[in-house]
Amino acid sequence: MANLQQELEHNGNQVKSIMESTKNGSNAGEIISDYINGCNLAIAILGDGSNILYDLGYAMSKNKKILLVSDGTHVMHSYLDTISNIVMRNNNKNLDNDNITISKILNFVSKMENDQIE
């Protein structure tokens, strides 16, 4: 299986990465708000050195559907209990090599697209 972005795109989903888009010095705040405002589902990957909590909070404030993916090493705050989440197997640090987690994410996206998840 390829990486998550490739798999999502292969299944007809448009994927935008905030992390990739802000590497060239672009206005991060503007990119974050544009991407989140325009998305149907925000997939937040919580990992080391990640600024994802800001993005996650913004998506929550916009009542977006969110899937939180974590490596299992972070303490999940109680306000995140209402968010669908997947923990990478065996505290895997590299999602691209974790076919089981990628399959779970693809299954979640499929269910969301078929209105089985609110």
PDB file of N, CA and C in Angstrom:
ATOM      1  N   MET A   1       0.854  -1.182   0.000  1.00  0.00           N
ATOM      2  CA  MET A   1       0.000   0.000   0.000  1.00  0.00           C
ATOM      3  C   MET A   1       0.893   1.235   0.000  1.00  0.00           C
ATOM      4  N   ALA A   2       0.495   2.242  -0.725  1.00  0.00           N
ATOM      5  CA  ALA A   2       1.249   3.500  -0.799  1.00  0.00           C
ATOM      6  C   ALA A   2       0.988   4.329   0.461  1.00  0.00           C
ATOM      7  N   ASN A   3       1.420   5.583   0.425  1.00  0.00           N
ATOM      8  CA  ASN A   3       1.184   6.419   1.595  1.00  0.00           C
ATOM      9  C   ASN A   3      -0.271   6.882   1.661  1.00  0.00           C
ATOM     10  N   LEU A   4      -0.643   7.451   2.785  1.00  0.00           N
ATOM     11  CA  LEU A   4      -2.034   7.838   3.030  1.00  0.00           C
ATOM     12  C   LEU A   4      -2.546   8.813   1.980  1.00  0.00           C
ATOM     13  N   GLN A   5      -1.781   9.831   1.666  1.00  0.00           N
ATOM     14  CA  GLN A   5      -2.234  10.817   0.685  1.00  0.00           C
ATOM     15  C   GLN A   5      -2.518  10.161  -0.660  1.00  0.00           C
ATOM     16  N   GLN A   6      -1.628   9.298  -1.106  1.00  0.00           N
ATOM     17  CA  GLN A   6      -1.831   8.614  -2.384  1.00  0.00           C
ATOM     18  C   GLN A   6      -3.083   7.739  -2.354  1.00  0.00           C
ATOM     19  N   GLU A   7      -3.295   7.049  -1.256  1.00  0.00           N
ATOM     20  CA  GLU A   7      -4.467   6.175  -1.142  1.00  0.00           C
ATOM     21  C   GLU A   7      -5.760   6.992  -1.145  1.00  0.00           C
ATOM     22  N   LEU A   8      -5.777   8.099  -0.427  1.00  0.00           N
ATOM     23  CA  LEU A   8      -6.971   8.947  -0.405  1.00  0.00           C
ATOM     24  C   LEU A   8      -7.255   9.512  -1.795  1.00  0.00           C
ATOM     25  N   GLU A   9      -6.214   9.983  -2.468  1.00  0.00           N
ATOM     26  CA  GLU A   9      -6.391  10.529  -3.813  1.00  0.00           C
ATOM     27  C   GLU A   9      -6.833   9.444  -4.795  1.00  0.00           C
ATOM     28  N   HIS A  10      -6.293   8.244  -4.646  1.00  0.00           N
ATOM     29  CA  HIS A  10      -6.682   7.122  -5.499  1.00  0.00           C
ATOM     30  C   HIS A  10      -8.173   6.810  -5.356  1.00  0.00           C
ATOM     31  N   ASN A  11      -8.709   7.049  -4.172  1.00  0.00           N
ATOM     32  CA  ASN A  11     -10.131   6.809  -3.910  1.00  0.00           C
ATOM     33  C   ASN A  11     -11.002   8.023  -4.245  1.00  0.00           C
ATOM     34  N   GLY A  12     -10.433   9.024  -4.912  1.00  0.00           N
ATOM     35  CA  GLY A  12     -11.210  10.160  -5.379  1.00  0.00           C
ATOM     36  C   GLY A  12     -11.313  11.328  -4.424  1.00  0.00           C
ATOM     37  N   ASN A  13     -10.516  11.327  -3.378  1.00  0.00           N
ATOM     38  CA  ASN A  13     -10.539  12.419  -2.409  1.00  0.00           C
ATOM     39  C   ASN A  13      -9.488  13.459  -2.763  1.00  0.00           C
ATOM     40  N   GLN A  14      -9.833  14.726  -2.548  1.00  0.00           N
ATOM     41  CA  GLN A  14      -8.856  15.792  -2.723  1.00  0.00           C
ATOM     42  C   GLN A  14      -8.138  15.966  -1.396  1.00  0.00           C
ATOM     43  N   VAL A  15      -6.812  15.968  -1.434  1.00  0.00           N
ATOM     44  CA  VAL A  15      -6.016  16.048  -0.214  1.00  0.00           C
ATOM     45  C   VAL A  15      -5.175  17.310  -0.252  1.00  0.00           C
ATOM     46  N   LYS A  16      -5.232  18.070   0.832  1.00  0.00           N
ATOM     47  CA  LYS A  16      -4.386  19.248   0.986  1.00  0.00           C
ATOM     48  C   LYS A  16      -3.656  19.113   2.314  1.00  0.00           C
ATOM     49  N   SER A  17      -2.365  19.298   2.276  1.00  0.00           N
ATOM     50  CA  SER A  17      -1.542  19.186   3.469  1.00  0.00           C
ATOM     51  C   SER A  17      -1.122  20.568   3.946  1.00  0.00           C
ATOM     52  N   ILE A  18      -1.555  20.920   5.134  1.00  0.00           N
ATOM     53  CA  ILE A  18      -1.159  22.209   5.708  1.00  0.00           C
ATOM     54  C   ILE A  18       0.349  22.232   5.900  1.00  0.00           C
ATOM     55  N   MET A  19       0.905  21.138   6.392  1.00  0.00           N
ATOM     56  CA  MET A  19       2.334  21.086   6.664  1.00  0.00           C
ATOM     57  C   MET A  19       3.146  21.303   5.385  1.00  0.00           C
ATOM     58  N   GLU A  20       2.774  20.629   4.309  1.00  0.00           N
ATOM     59  CA  GLU A  20       3.499  20.789   3.043  1.00  0.00           C
ATOM     60  C   GLU A  20       3.327  22.199   2.473  1.00  0.00           C
ATOM     61  N   SER A  21       2.125  22.753   2.601  1.00  0.00           N
ATOM     62  CA  SER A  21       1.834  24.061   2.004  1.00  0.00           C
ATOM     63  C   SER A  21       2.494  25.226   2.728  1.00  0.00           C
ATOM     64  N   THR A  22       2.852  25.045   3.974  1.00  0.00           N
ATOM     65  CA  THR A  22       3.448  26.139   4.738  1.00  0.00           C
ATOM     66  C   THR A  22       4.968  26.061   4.794  1.00  0.00           C
ATOM     67  N   LYS A  23       5.569  25.057   4.170  1.00  0.00           N
ATOM     68  CA  LYS A  23       7.032  24.915   4.208  1.00  0.00           C
ATOM     69  C   LYS A  23       7.759  26.032   3.475  1.00  0.00           C
ATOM     70  N   ASN A  24       7.141  26.612   2.461  1.00  0.00           N
ATOM     71  CA  ASN A  24       7.830  27.611   1.645  1.00  0.00           C
ATOM     72  C   ASN A  24       7.697  29.032   2.190  1.00  0.00           C
ATOM     73  N   GLY A  25       7.243  29.177   3.430  1.00  0.00           N
ATOM     74  CA  GLY A  25       7.154  30.488   4.039  1.00  0.00           C
ATOM     75  C   GLY A  25       5.856  31.217   3.773  1.00  0.00           C
ATOM     76  N   SER A  26       4.892  30.530   3.211  1.00  0.00           N
ATOM     77  CA  SER A  26       3.581  31.141   2.968  1.00  0.00           C
ATOM     78  C   SER A  26       2.919  31.498   4.285  1.00  0.00           C
ATOM     79  N   ASN A  27       1.888  32.313   4.211  1.00  0.00           N
ATOM     80  CA  ASN A  27       1.154  32.723   5.399  1.00  0.00           C
ATOM     81  C   ASN A  27       0.398  31.528   5.980  1.00  0.00           C
ATOM     82  N   ALA A  28       0.935  30.944   7.026  1.00  0.00           N
ATOM     83  CA  ALA A  28       0.379  29.721   7.602  1.00  0.00           C
ATOM     84  C   ALA A  28      -1.060  29.923   8.083  1.00  0.00           C
ATOM     85  N   GLY A  29      -1.334  31.030   8.752  1.00  0.00           N
ATOM     86  CA  GLY A  29      -2.685  31.274   9.261  1.00  0.00           C
ATOM     87  C   GLY A  29      -3.723  31.314   8.162  1.00  0.00           C
ATOM     88  N   GLU A  30      -3.369  31.951   7.058  1.00  0.00           N
ATOM     89  CA  GLU A  30      -4.288  32.048   5.927  1.00  0.00           C
ATOM     90  C   GLU A  30      -4.512  30.680   5.270  1.00  0.00           C
ATOM     91  N   ILE A  31      -3.443  29.927   5.113  1.00  0.00           N
ATOM     92  CA  ILE A  31      -3.559  28.591   4.519  1.00  0.00           C
ATOM     93  C   ILE A  31      -4.406  27.689   5.406  1.00  0.00           C
ATOM     94  N   ILE A  32      -4.139  27.720   6.705  1.00  0.00           N
ATOM     95  CA  ILE A  32      -4.900  26.886   7.641  1.00  0.00           C
ATOM     96  C   ILE A  32      -6.382  27.210   7.565  1.00  0.00           C
ATOM     97  N   SER A  33      -6.726  28.485   7.638  1.00  0.00           N
ATOM     98  CA  SER A  33      -8.150  28.842   7.617  1.00  0.00           C
ATOM     99  C   SER A  33      -8.782  28.497   6.272  1.00  0.00           C
ATOM    100  N   ASP A  34      -8.084  28.728   5.151  1.00  0.00           N
ATOM    101  CA  ASP A  34      -8.634  28.386   3.838  1.00  0.00           C
ATOM    102  C   ASP A  34      -8.873  26.891   3.704  1.00  0.00           C
ATOM    103  N   TYR A  35      -7.883  26.085   4.079  1.00  0.00           N
ATOM    104  CA  TYR A  35      -8.002  24.635   3.941  1.00  0.00           C
ATOM    105  C   TYR A  35      -9.107  24.080   4.837  1.00  0.00           C
ATOM    106  N   ILE A  36      -9.132  24.510   6.079  1.00  0.00           N
ATOM    107  CA  ILE A  36     -10.134  23.977   7.016  1.00  0.00           C
ATOM    108  C   ILE A  36     -11.527  24.454   6.638  1.00  0.00           C
ATOM    109  N   ASN A  37     -11.670  25.719   6.267  1.00  0.00           N
ATOM    110  CA  ASN A  37     -12.989  26.215   5.863  1.00  0.00           C
ATOM    111  C   ASN A  37     -13.529  25.461   4.656  1.00  0.00           C
ATOM    112  N   GLY A  38     -12.649  25.005   3.765  1.00  0.00           N
ATOM    113  CA  GLY A  38     -13.087  24.345   2.556  1.00  0.00           C
ATOM    114  C   GLY A  38     -13.168  22.829   2.615  1.00  0.00           C
ATOM    115  N   CYS A  39     -12.839  22.246   3.768  1.00  0.00           N
ATOM    116  CA  CYS A  39     -12.796  20.781   3.825  1.00  0.00           C
ATOM    117  C   CYS A  39     -14.104  20.174   4.322  1.00  0.00           C
ATOM    118  N   ASN A  40     -14.306  18.912   3.940  1.00  0.00           N
ATOM    119  CA  ASN A  40     -15.418  18.122   4.470  1.00  0.00           C
ATOM    120  C   ASN A  40     -14.967  17.330   5.685  1.00  0.00           C
ATOM    121  N   LEU A  41     -13.701  16.945   5.700  1.00  0.00           N
ATOM    122  CA  LEU A  41     -13.125  16.160   6.789  1.00  0.00           C
ATOM    123  C   LEU A  41     -11.700  16.619   7.010  1.00  0.00           C
ATOM    124  N   ALA A  42     -11.357  16.879   8.256  1.00  0.00           N
ATOM    125  CA  ALA A  42      -9.977  17.208   8.616  1.00  0.00           C
ATOM    126  C   ALA A  42      -9.372  15.986   9.286  1.00  0.00           C
ATOM    127  N   ILE A  43      -8.272  15.506   8.733  1.00  0.00           N
ATOM    128  CA  ILE A  43      -7.534  14.409   9.357  1.00  0.00           C
ATOM    129  C   ILE A  43      -6.332  15.031  10.036  1.00  0.00           C
ATOM    130  N   ALA A  44      -6.312  14.971  11.359  1.00  0.00           N
ATOM    131  CA  ALA A  44      -5.240  15.566  12.140  1.00  0.00           C
ATOM    132  C   ALA A  44      -4.328  14.454  12.644  1.00  0.00           C
ATOM    133  N   ILE A  45      -3.057  14.516  12.275  1.00  0.00           N
ATOM    134  CA  ILE A  45      -2.093  13.499  12.696  1.00  0.00           C
ATOM    135  C   ILE A  45      -1.248  14.095  13.802  1.00  0.00           C
ATOM    136  N   LEU A  46      -1.486  13.610  15.009  1.00  0.00           N
ATOM    137  CA  LEU A  46      -0.814  14.117  16.201  1.00  0.00           C
ATOM    138  C   LEU A  46       0.508  13.388  16.365  1.00  0.00           C
ATOM    139  N   GLY A  47       1.597  14.129  16.300  1.00  0.00           N
ATOM    140  CA  GLY A  47       2.910  13.509  16.420  1.00  0.00           C
ATOM    141  C   GLY A  47       3.896  14.460  17.064  1.00  0.00           C
ATOM    142  N   ASP A  48       5.122  14.011  17.167  1.00  0.00           N
ATOM    143  CA  ASP A  48       6.169  14.824  17.780  1.00  0.00           C
ATOM    144  C   ASP A  48       6.412  16.094  16.981  1.00  0.00           C
ATOM    145  N   GLY A  49       6.543  17.205  17.683  1.00  0.00           N
ATOM    146  CA  GLY A  49       6.834  18.472  17.040  1.00  0.00           C
ATOM    147  C   GLY A  49       5.681  19.029  16.236  1.00  0.00           C
ATOM    148  N   SER A  50       4.536  18.501  16.453  1.00  0.00           N
ATOM    149  CA  SER A  50       3.380  18.889  15.659  1.00  0.00           C
ATOM    150  C   SER A  50       2.679  20.090  16.268  1.00  0.00           C
ATOM    151  N   ASN A  51       2.264  21.026  15.421  1.00  0.00           N
ATOM    152  CA  ASN A  51       1.480  22.180  15.844  1.00  0.00           C
ATOM    153  C   ASN A  51       0.000  21.927  15.605  1.00  0.00           C
ATOM    154  N   ILE A  52      -0.371  20.688  15.518  1.00  0.00           N
ATOM    155  CA  ILE A  52      -1.691  20.300  15.054  1.00  0.00           C
ATOM    156  C   ILE A  52      -2.813  20.738  16.002  1.00  0.00           C
ATOM    157  N   LEU A  53      -2.523  20.986  17.262  1.00  0.00           N
ATOM    158  CA  LEU A  53      -3.594  21.353  18.193  1.00  0.00           C
ATOM    159  C   LEU A  53      -4.253  22.673  17.815  1.00  0.00           C
ATOM    160  N   TYR A  54      -3.481  23.609  17.268  1.00  0.00           N
ATOM    161  CA  TYR A  54      -4.070  24.859  16.787  1.00  0.00           C
ATOM    162  C   TYR A  54      -5.041  24.569  15.647  1.00  0.00           C
ATOM    163  N   ASP A  55      -4.566  23.779  14.675  1.00  0.00           N
ATOM    164  CA  ASP A  55      -5.390  23.430  13.519  1.00  0.00           C
ATOM    165  C   ASP A  55      -6.634  22.664  13.961  1.00  0.00           C
ATOM    166  N   LEU A  56      -6.442  21.759  14.898  1.00  0.00           N
ATOM    167  CA  LEU A  56      -7.539  20.951  15.427  1.00  0.00           C
ATOM    168  C   LEU A  56      -8.585  21.830  16.104  1.00  0.00           C
ATOM    169  N   GLY A  57      -8.140  22.765  16.913  1.00  0.00           N
ATOM    170  CA  GLY A  57      -9.065  23.683  17.578  1.00  0.00           C
ATOM    171  C   GLY A  57      -9.836  24.537  16.599  1.00  0.00           C
ATOM    172  N   TYR A  58      -9.157  24.980  15.553  1.00  0.00           N
ATOM    173  CA  TYR A  58      -9.831  25.782  14.532  1.00  0.00           C
ATOM    174  C   TYR A  58     -10.890  24.948  13.816  1.00  0.00           C
ATOM    175  N   ALA A  59     -10.544  23.718  13.462  1.00  0.00           N
ATOM    176  CA  ALA A  59     -11.505  22.837  12.801  1.00  0.00           C
ATOM    177  C   ALA A  59     -12.704  22.553  13.709  1.00  0.00           C
ATOM    178  N   MET A  60     -12.444  22.374  15.002  1.00  0.00           N
ATOM    179  CA  MET A  60     -13.536  22.148  15.956  1.00  0.00           C
ATOM    180  C   MET A  60     -14.451  23.369  16.015  1.00  0.00           C
ATOM    181  N   SER A  61     -13.863  24.559  15.994  1.00  0.00           N
ATOM    182  CA  SER A  61     -14.665  25.783  16.072  1.00  0.00           C
ATOM    183  C   SER A  61     -15.541  25.966  14.835  1.00  0.00           C
ATOM    184  N   LYS A  62     -15.139  25.346  13.733  1.00  0.00           N
ATOM    185  CA  LYS A  62     -15.900  25.430  12.484  1.00  0.00           C
ATOM    186  C   LYS A  62     -16.841  24.235  12.310  1.00  0.00           C
ATOM    187  N   ASN A  63     -16.961  23.415  13.371  1.00  0.00           N
ATOM    188  CA  ASN A  63     -17.838  22.228  13.365  1.00  0.00           C
ATOM    189  C   ASN A  63     -17.538  21.286  12.212  1.00  0.00           C
ATOM    190  N   LYS A  64     -16.254  21.110  11.909  1.00  0.00           N
ATOM    191  CA  LYS A  64     -15.839  20.197  10.852  1.00  0.00           C
ATOM    192  C   LYS A  64     -15.792  18.772  11.378  1.00  0.00           C
ATOM    193  N   LYS A  65     -16.007  17.805  10.489  1.00  0.00           N
ATOM    194  CA  LYS A  65     -15.785  16.415  10.848  1.00  0.00           C
ATOM    195  C   LYS A  65     -14.284  16.225  10.947  1.00  0.00           C
ATOM    196  N   ILE A  66     -13.859  15.555  12.011  1.00  0.00           N
ATOM    197  CA  ILE A  66     -12.433  15.426  12.291  1.00  0.00           C
ATOM    198  C   ILE A  66     -12.106  13.973  12.597  1.00  0.00           C
ATOM    199  N   LEU A  67     -10.992  13.528  12.078  1.00  0.00           N
ATOM    200  CA  LEU A  67     -10.423  12.243  12.461  1.00  0.00           C
ATOM    201  C   LEU A  67      -9.041  12.530  13.024  1.00  0.00           C
ATOM    202  N   LEU A  68      -8.831  12.152  14.264  1.00  0.00           N
ATOM    203  CA  LEU A  68      -7.554  12.372  14.931  1.00  0.00           C
ATOM    204  C   LEU A  68      -6.768  11.061  14.905  1.00  0.00           C
ATOM    205  N   VAL A  69      -5.558  11.115  14.367  1.00  0.00           N
ATOM    206  CA  VAL A  69      -4.677   9.950  14.313  1.00  0.00           C
ATOM    207  C   VAL A  69      -3.490  10.256  15.217  1.00  0.00           C
ATOM    208  N   SER A  70      -3.216   9.355  16.167  1.00  0.00           N
ATOM    209  CA  SER A  70      -2.096   9.597  17.076  1.00  0.00           C
ATOM    210  C   SER A  70      -1.169   8.391  17.100  1.00  0.00           C
ATOM    211  N   ASP A  71       0.039   8.635  17.579  1.00  0.00           N
ATOM    212  CA  ASP A  71       1.011   7.549  17.661  1.00  0.00           C
ATOM    213  C   ASP A  71       0.897   6.789  18.975  1.00  0.00           C
ATOM    214  N   GLY A  72      -0.055   7.163  19.800  1.00  0.00           N
ATOM    215  CA  GLY A  72      -0.291   6.449  21.051  1.00  0.00           C
ATOM    216  C   GLY A  72       0.574   6.904  22.207  1.00  0.00           C
ATOM    217  N   THR A  73       1.459   7.857  21.978  1.00  0.00           N
ATOM    218  CA  THR A  73       2.351   8.296  23.052  1.00  0.00           C
ATOM    219  C   THR A  73       1.899   9.599  23.699  1.00  0.00           C
ATOM    220  N   HIS A  74       0.894  10.235  23.150  1.00  0.00           N
ATOM    221  CA  HIS A  74       0.438  11.515  23.676  1.00  0.00           C
ATOM    222  C   HIS A  74      -0.782  11.329  24.577  1.00  0.00           C
ATOM    223  N   VAL A  75      -0.845  12.126  25.616  1.00  0.00           N
ATOM    224  CA  VAL A  75      -2.020  12.129  26.482  1.00  0.00           C
ATOM    225  C   VAL A  75      -3.140  12.837  25.739  1.00  0.00           C
ATOM    226  N   MET A  76      -4.278  12.182  25.650  1.00  0.00           N
ATOM    227  CA  MET A  76      -5.427  12.769  24.962  1.00  0.00           C
ATOM    228  C   MET A  76      -6.232  13.577  25.985  1.00  0.00           C
ATOM    229  N   HIS A  77      -6.376  14.846  25.743  1.00  0.00           N
ATOM    230  CA  HIS A  77      -7.133  15.712  26.636  1.00  0.00           C
ATOM    231  C   HIS A  77      -8.609  15.350  26.571  1.00  0.00           C
ATOM    232  N   SER A  78      -9.312  15.571  27.643  1.00  0.00           N
ATOM    233  CA  SER A  78     -10.711  15.145  27.736  1.00  0.00           C
ATOM    234  C   SER A  78     -11.594  15.799  26.674  1.00  0.00           C
ATOM    235  N   TYR A  79     -11.284  17.012  26.244  1.00  0.00           N
ATOM    236  CA  TYR A  79     -12.113  17.655  25.232  1.00  0.00           C
ATOM    237  C   TYR A  79     -11.975  16.983  23.865  1.00  0.00           C
ATOM    238  N   LEU A  80     -10.993  16.111  23.694  1.00  0.00           N
ATOM    239  CA  LEU A  80     -10.828  15.382  22.451  1.00  0.00           C
ATOM    240  C   LEU A  80     -11.598  14.060  22.444  1.00  0.00           C
ATOM    241  N   ASP A  81     -12.238  13.729  23.567  1.00  0.00           N
ATOM    242  CA  ASP A  81     -12.989  12.479  23.662  1.00  0.00           C
ATOM    243  C   ASP A  81     -14.137  12.402  22.665  1.00  0.00           C
ATOM    244  N   THR A  82     -14.635  13.537  22.227  1.00  0.00           N
ATOM    245  CA  THR A  82     -15.779  13.545  21.313  1.00  0.00           C
ATOM    246  C   THR A  82     -15.352  13.402  19.850  1.00  0.00           C
ATOM    247  N   ILE A  83     -14.058  13.373  19.603  1.00  0.00           N
ATOM    248  CA  ILE A  83     -13.533  13.292  18.234  1.00  0.00           C
ATOM    249  C   ILE A  83     -13.202  11.841  17.911  1.00  0.00           C
ATOM    250  N   SER A  84     -13.596  11.405  16.720  1.00  0.00           N
ATOM    251  CA  SER A  84     -13.214  10.064  16.279  1.00  0.00           C
ATOM    252  C   SER A  84     -11.699   9.995  16.219  1.00  0.00           C
ATOM    253  N   ASN A  85     -11.147   8.869  16.685  1.00  0.00           N
ATOM    254  CA  ASN A  85      -9.695   8.775  16.668  1.00  0.00           C
ATOM    255  C   ASN A  85      -9.227   7.363  16.367  1.00  0.00           C
ATOM    256  N   ILE A  86      -8.036   7.296  15.832  1.00  0.00           N
ATOM    257  CA  ILE A  86      -7.361   6.046  15.524  1.00  0.00           C
ATOM    258  C   ILE A  86      -5.953   6.156  16.097  1.00  0.00           C
ATOM    259  N   VAL A  87      -5.530   5.122  16.794  1.00  0.00           N
ATOM    260  CA  VAL A  87      -4.168   5.076  17.312  1.00  0.00           C
ATOM    261  C   VAL A  87      -3.363   4.142  16.411  1.00  0.00           C
ATOM    262  N   MET A  88      -2.227   4.638  15.939  1.00  0.00           N
ATOM    263  CA  MET A  88      -1.377   3.821  15.082  1.00  0.00           C
ATOM    264  C   MET A  88      -0.946   2.578  15.839  1.00  0.00           C
ATOM    265  N   ARG A  89      -0.898   1.462  15.160  1.00  0.00           N
ATOM    266  CA  ARG A  89      -0.558   0.205  15.821  1.00  0.00           C
ATOM    267  C   ARG A  89       0.883   0.209  16.310  1.00  0.00           C
ATOM    268  N   ASN A  90       1.096  -0.391  17.452  1.00  0.00           N
ATOM    269  CA  ASN A  90       2.428  -0.564  18.035  1.00  0.00           C
ATOM    270  C   ASN A  90       3.202   0.745  18.170  1.00  0.00           C
ATOM    271  N   ASN A  91       2.465   1.826  18.462  1.00  0.00           N
ATOM    272  CA  ASN A  91       3.104   3.142  18.611  1.00  0.00           C
ATOM    273  C   ASN A  91       3.996   3.475  17.417  1.00  0.00           C
ATOM    274  N   ASN A  92       3.538   3.098  16.244  1.00  0.00           N
ATOM    275  CA  ASN A  92       4.294   3.330  15.014  1.00  0.00           C
ATOM    276  C   ASN A  92       4.482   4.833  14.806  1.00  0.00           C
ATOM    277  N   LYS A  93       5.680   5.240  14.467  1.00  0.00           N
ATOM    278  CA  LYS A  93       5.972   6.652  14.238  1.00  0.00           C
ATOM    279  C   LYS A  93       5.875   7.026  12.762  1.00  0.00           C
ATOM    280  N   ASN A  94       5.779   6.032  11.873  1.00  0.00           N
ATOM    281  CA  ASN A  94       5.771   6.314  10.443  1.00  0.00           C
ATOM    282  C   ASN A  94       4.474   5.791   9.835  1.00  0.00           C
ATOM    283  N   LEU A  95       3.536   6.672   9.628  1.00  0.00           N
ATOM    284  CA  LEU A  95       2.229   6.293   9.107  1.00  0.00           C
ATOM    285  C   LEU A  95       2.325   5.664   7.722  1.00  0.00           C
ATOM    286  N   ASP A  96       3.279   6.100   6.913  1.00  0.00           N
ATOM    287  CA  ASP A  96       3.396   5.572   5.553  1.00  0.00           C
ATOM    288  C   ASP A  96       3.692   4.074   5.524  1.00  0.00           C
ATOM    289  N   ASN A  97       4.261   3.538   6.575  1.00  0.00           N
ATOM    290  CA  ASN A  97       4.562   2.112   6.627  1.00  0.00           C
ATOM    291  C   ASN A  97       3.559   1.339   7.465  1.00  0.00           C
ATOM    292  N   ASP A  98       2.459   1.964   7.814  1.00  0.00           N
ATOM    293  CA  ASP A  98       1.471   1.355   8.693  1.00  0.00           C
ATOM    294  C   ASP A  98       0.189   1.082   7.908  1.00  0.00           C
ATOM    295  N   ASN A  99       0.189  -0.006   7.159  1.00  0.00           N
ATOM    296  CA  ASN A  99      -0.943  -0.325   6.289  1.00  0.00           C
ATOM    297  C   ASN A  99      -2.237  -0.553   7.057  1.00  0.00           C
ATOM    298  N   ILE A 100      -2.141  -1.077   8.275  1.00  0.00           N
ATOM    299  CA  ILE A 100      -3.347  -1.315   9.077  1.00  0.00           C
ATOM    300  C   ILE A 100      -4.014   0.012   9.427  1.00  0.00           C
ATOM    301  N   THR A 101      -3.234   0.987   9.881  1.00  0.00           N
ATOM    302  CA  THR A 101      -3.797   2.299  10.230  1.00  0.00           C
ATOM    303  C   THR A 101      -4.323   3.000   8.987  1.00  0.00           C
ATOM    304  N   ILE A 102      -3.596   2.928   7.876  1.00  0.00           N
ATOM    305  CA  ILE A 102      -4.074   3.545   6.639  1.00  0.00           C
ATOM    306  C   ILE A 102      -5.405   2.930   6.228  1.00  0.00           C
ATOM    307  N   SER A 103      -5.537   1.622   6.352  1.00  0.00           N
ATOM    308  CA  SER A 103      -6.809   0.955   6.025  1.00  0.00           C
ATOM    309  C   SER A 103      -7.933   1.436   6.920  1.00  0.00           C
ATOM    310  N   LYS A 104      -7.648   1.624   8.209  1.00  0.00           N
ATOM    311  CA  LYS A 104      -8.667   2.133   9.141  1.00  0.00           C
ATOM    312  C   LYS A 104      -9.098   3.545   8.751  1.00  0.00           C
ATOM    313  N   ILE A 105      -8.140   4.377   8.357  1.00  0.00           N
ATOM    314  CA  ILE A 105      -8.454   5.749   7.949  1.00  0.00           C
ATOM    315  C   ILE A 105      -9.314   5.732   6.693  1.00  0.00           C
ATOM    316  N   LEU A 106      -8.932   4.926   5.708  1.00  0.00           N
ATOM    317  CA  LEU A 106      -9.711   4.832   4.474  1.00  0.00           C
ATOM    318  C   LEU A 106     -11.123   4.343   4.756  1.00  0.00           C
ATOM    319  N   ASN A 107     -11.274   3.391   5.666  1.00  0.00           N
ATOM    320  CA  ASN A 107     -12.594   2.899   6.055  1.00  0.00           C
ATOM    321  C   ASN A 107     -13.419   4.010   6.703  1.00  0.00           C
ATOM    322  N   PHE A 108     -12.807   4.798   7.575  1.00  0.00           N
ATOM    323  CA  PHE A 108     -13.492   5.915   8.227  1.00  0.00           C
ATOM    324  C   PHE A 108     -13.965   6.921   7.182  1.00  0.00           C
ATOM    325  N   VAL A 109     -13.080   7.275   6.243  1.00  0.00           N
ATOM    326  CA  VAL A 109     -13.417   8.247   5.198  1.00  0.00           C
ATOM    327  C   VAL A 109     -14.579   7.728   4.358  1.00  0.00           C
ATOM    328  N   SER A 110     -14.551   6.455   4.019  1.00  0.00           N
ATOM    329  CA  SER A 110     -15.610   5.851   3.241  1.00  0.00           C
ATOM    330  C   SER A 110     -16.952   5.931   3.974  1.00  0.00           C
ATOM    331  N   LYS A 111     -16.938   5.605   5.261  1.00  0.00           N
ATOM    332  CA  LYS A 111     -18.172   5.672   6.066  1.00  0.00           C
ATOM    333  C   LYS A 111     -18.676   7.105   6.158  1.00  0.00           C
ATOM    334  N   MET A 112     -17.753   8.062   6.323  1.00  0.00           N
ATOM    335  CA  MET A 112     -18.149   9.471   6.411  1.00  0.00           C
ATOM    336  C   MET A 112     -18.790   9.924   5.097  1.00  0.00           C
ATOM    337  N   GLU A 113     -18.203   9.494   3.978  1.00  0.00           N
ATOM    338  CA  GLU A 113     -18.751   9.878   2.679  1.00  0.00           C
ATOM    339  C   GLU A 113     -20.139   9.303   2.453  1.00  0.00           C
ATOM    340  N   ASN A 114     -20.402   8.160   3.061  1.00  0.00           N
ATOM    341  CA  ASN A 114     -21.723   7.518   2.921  1.00  0.00           C
ATOM    342  C   ASN A 114     -22.664   7.909   4.055  1.00  0.00           C
ATOM    343  N   ASP A 115     -22.336   8.996   4.754  1.00  0.00           N
ATOM    344  CA  ASP A 115     -23.151   9.546   5.846  1.00  0.00           C
ATOM    345  C   ASP A 115     -23.409   8.557   6.972  1.00  0.00           C
ATOM    346  N   GLN A 116     -22.480   7.648   7.211  1.00  0.00           N
ATOM    347  CA  GLN A 116     -22.599   6.727   8.326  1.00  0.00           C
ATOM    348  C   GLN A 116     -21.948   7.284   9.583  1.00  0.00           C
ATOM    349  N   ILE A 117     -21.276   8.421   9.445  1.00  0.00           N
ATOM    350  CA  ILE A 117     -20.619   9.082  10.576  1.00  0.00           C
ATOM    351  C   ILE A 117     -21.056  10.529  10.574  1.00  0.00           C
ATOM    352  N   GLU A 118     -21.470  11.003  11.727  1.00  0.00           N
ATOM    353  CA  GLU A 118     -21.890  12.407  11.829  1.00  0.00           C
ATOM    354  C   GLU A 118     -20.827  13.242  12.459  1.00  0.00           C
TER     355      GLU A 118
END
